[in-house]
Amino acid sequence: PYRKFSLGDYSVVESFACINNAVGDVMIGDNTRVGLHNTIIGPVSIGNHVNLAQGITVTALNHNFENTDKRIDEQGVSTKPVTIGNDIWIGANAVILPGVSIGDHSVVAAGAVVTKDVPPHSLVAGVPAKIIKQI
């Protein structure tokens, strides 16, 4: 471990998941499930009673690429924290990108790519994810 990692009471990280705290803390609340084959790259904060299905990527990390005089692998990385609130269900194969916050009691549909904040009590779907309805 490079940065902080915490896993709350009665929470589980299922098989083949990768929790990467090399560039930022990963904090997971109580009664939360990180599903099979999930990838979480910090800094990420996940609340209580969160259900992450299978194959999800939650990443706060991006590779820098703006300088055309340098190779991309020479330009380093940048991070923007991701926050996933409480009482949230994220469907299989969804992608949560850097800087995103997902509000309490929300649902992210399977396969969605979340590029901006999700207000509380929202159902989002699509690529990029858009609000489908308020819950």
Protein backbone atom coordinates (compact mmCIF):
# COMPACT_ATOMS: atom_id res chain seq x y z
CA PRO A 1 0.00 0.00 0.00
CA TYR A 2 1.20 3.48 -0.90
CA ARG A 3 -1.59 5.64 0.51
CA LYS A 4 -4.42 4.98 2.96
CA PHE A 5 -6.83 2.11 2.46
CA SER A 6 -9.82 1.28 4.62
CA LEU A 7 -12.60 -1.26 4.30
CA GLY A 8 -15.63 -0.69 6.51
CA ASP A 9 -17.50 -3.15 8.70
CA TYR A 10 -19.35 -5.91 6.84
CA SER A 11 -17.91 -4.78 3.51
CA VAL A 12 -16.38 -7.15 0.97
CA VAL A 13 -14.03 -7.00 -2.00
CA GLU A 14 -14.85 -9.93 -4.29
CA SER A 15 -12.42 -12.07 -6.28
CA PHE A 16 -10.21 -10.61 -9.00
CA ALA A 17 -10.88 -7.00 -7.96
CA CYS A 18 -7.98 -4.55 -8.04
CA ILE A 19 -7.81 -1.78 -5.44
CA ASN A 20 -4.98 0.61 -6.39
CA ASN A 21 -3.97 3.24 -3.85
CA ALA A 22 -0.62 4.09 -5.46
CA VAL A 23 -1.61 7.70 -6.23
CA GLY A 24 -4.45 8.32 -3.75
CA ASP A 25 -6.35 6.98 -0.76
CA VAL A 26 -9.12 4.43 -1.23
CA MET A 27 -11.74 4.57 1.52
CA ILE A 28 -14.69 2.15 1.48
CA GLY A 29 -17.57 2.47 3.96
CA ASP A 30 -19.69 -0.08 5.81
CA ASN A 31 -21.95 -2.72 4.24
CA THR A 32 -20.47 -2.12 0.78
CA ARG A 33 -19.72 -4.69 -1.91
CA VAL A 34 -16.99 -4.30 -4.52
CA GLY A 35 -17.92 -6.87 -7.16
CA LEU A 36 -15.95 -9.35 -9.24
CA HIS A 37 -13.32 -7.87 -11.56
CA ASN A 38 -13.77 -4.28 -10.36
CA THR A 39 -10.86 -1.83 -10.67
CA ILE A 40 -10.67 1.10 -8.26
CA ILE A 41 -7.83 3.62 -8.62
CA GLY A 42 -7.61 6.30 -5.91
CA PRO A 43 -8.16 8.81 -4.63
CA VAL A 44 -11.65 7.33 -4.25
CA SER A 45 -14.15 7.53 -1.40
CA ILE A 46 -17.06 5.06 -1.39
CA GLY A 47 -19.84 5.40 1.17
CA ASN A 48 -22.03 2.97 3.07
CA HIS A 49 -24.48 0.46 1.56
CA VAL A 50 -22.96 0.76 -1.92
CA ASN A 51 -23.34 -2.11 -4.35
CA LEU A 52 -20.80 -2.23 -7.19
CA ALA A 53 -21.71 -4.99 -9.65
CA GLN A 54 -19.14 -6.78 -11.85
CA GLY A 55 -16.49 -5.35 -14.15
CA ILE A 56 -16.74 -1.74 -12.98
CA THR A 57 -13.89 0.77 -13.29
CA VAL A 58 -13.73 3.68 -10.86
CA THR A 59 -10.68 5.81 -11.57
CA ALA A 60 -9.44 9.14 -10.29
CA LEU A 61 -6.32 8.91 -12.46
CA ASN A 62 -5.52 10.29 -15.92
CA HIS A 63 -2.30 10.24 -17.92
CA ASN A 64 -1.08 13.65 -19.04
CA PHE A 65 -0.62 14.06 -22.80
CA GLU A 66 -0.75 17.79 -23.63
CA ASN A 67 2.96 18.24 -24.46
CA THR A 68 3.49 17.00 -28.02
CA ASP A 69 7.28 17.26 -27.62
CA LYS A 70 7.26 14.43 -25.05
CA ARG A 71 6.03 10.87 -25.12
CA ILE A 72 2.86 10.32 -23.09
CA ASP A 73 4.66 8.00 -20.68
CA GLU A 74 7.09 10.84 -19.84
CA GLN A 75 4.36 13.32 -18.87
CA GLY A 76 3.20 11.80 -15.61
CA VAL A 77 -0.31 11.51 -14.27
CA SER A 78 -2.92 13.71 -12.67
CA THR A 79 -5.72 12.84 -10.27
CA LYS A 80 -9.16 14.23 -9.44
CA PRO A 81 -10.88 12.55 -6.47
CA VAL A 82 -13.99 10.43 -7.04
CA THR A 83 -16.73 10.38 -4.41
CA ILE A 84 -19.48 7.77 -4.36
CA GLY A 85 -22.09 8.56 -1.71
CA ASN A 86 -24.32 6.23 0.32
CA ASP A 87 -27.02 3.79 -0.79
CA ILE A 88 -25.90 3.54 -4.42
CA TRP A 89 -26.07 0.76 -6.99
CA ILE A 90 -23.64 0.81 -9.91
CA GLY A 91 -24.45 -1.68 -12.68
CA ALA A 92 -22.07 -4.07 -14.40
CA ASN A 93 -19.29 -2.69 -16.61
CA ALA A 94 -19.96 0.96 -15.74
CA VAL A 95 -17.04 3.40 -15.81
CA ILE A 96 -16.74 6.27 -13.32
CA LEU A 97 -14.18 8.85 -14.47
CA PRO A 98 -11.93 11.28 -12.53
CA GLY A 99 -13.52 14.12 -10.58
CA VAL A 100 -17.03 12.62 -10.50
CA SER A 101 -19.30 12.65 -7.44
CA ILE A 102 -22.33 10.38 -7.25
CA GLY A 103 -25.05 11.57 -4.88
CA ASP A 104 -26.84 9.42 -2.30
CA HIS A 105 -29.56 6.91 -3.32
CA SER A 106 -28.59 6.91 -7.00
CA VAL A 107 -28.35 4.19 -9.64
CA VAL A 108 -25.82 4.02 -12.47
CA ALA A 109 -27.04 1.71 -15.26
CA ALA A 110 -24.93 -1.13 -16.58
CA GLY A 111 -22.40 0.00 -19.19
CA ALA A 112 -22.77 3.71 -18.39
CA VAL A 113 -19.75 6.01 -18.64
CA VAL A 114 -20.09 8.69 -15.96
CA THR A 115 -18.19 11.84 -16.96
CA LYS A 116 -19.87 14.39 -14.67
CA ASP A 117 -21.52 14.60 -11.26
CA VAL A 118 -24.71 12.66 -10.56
CA PRO A 119 -27.20 14.47 -8.27
CA PRO A 120 -28.73 12.53 -5.35
CA HIS A 121 -31.74 10.35 -6.14
CA SER A 122 -30.89 10.01 -9.85
CA LEU A 123 -30.87 7.17 -12.35
CA VAL A 124 -28.20 7.70 -15.03
CA ALA A 125 -27.48 5.66 -18.15
CA GLY A 126 -25.68 5.87 -21.47
CA VAL A 127 -22.36 6.95 -22.96
CA PRO A 128 -21.84 9.55 -21.70
CA ALA A 129 -24.24 9.00 -18.82
CA LYS A 130 -27.28 11.26 -18.65
CA ILE A 131 -30.04 11.54 -16.08
CA ILE A 132 -32.92 9.29 -17.09
CA LYS A 133 -35.15 10.07 -14.11
CA GLN A 134 -35.21 11.14 -10.48
CA ILE A 135 -35.77 8.34 -7.97
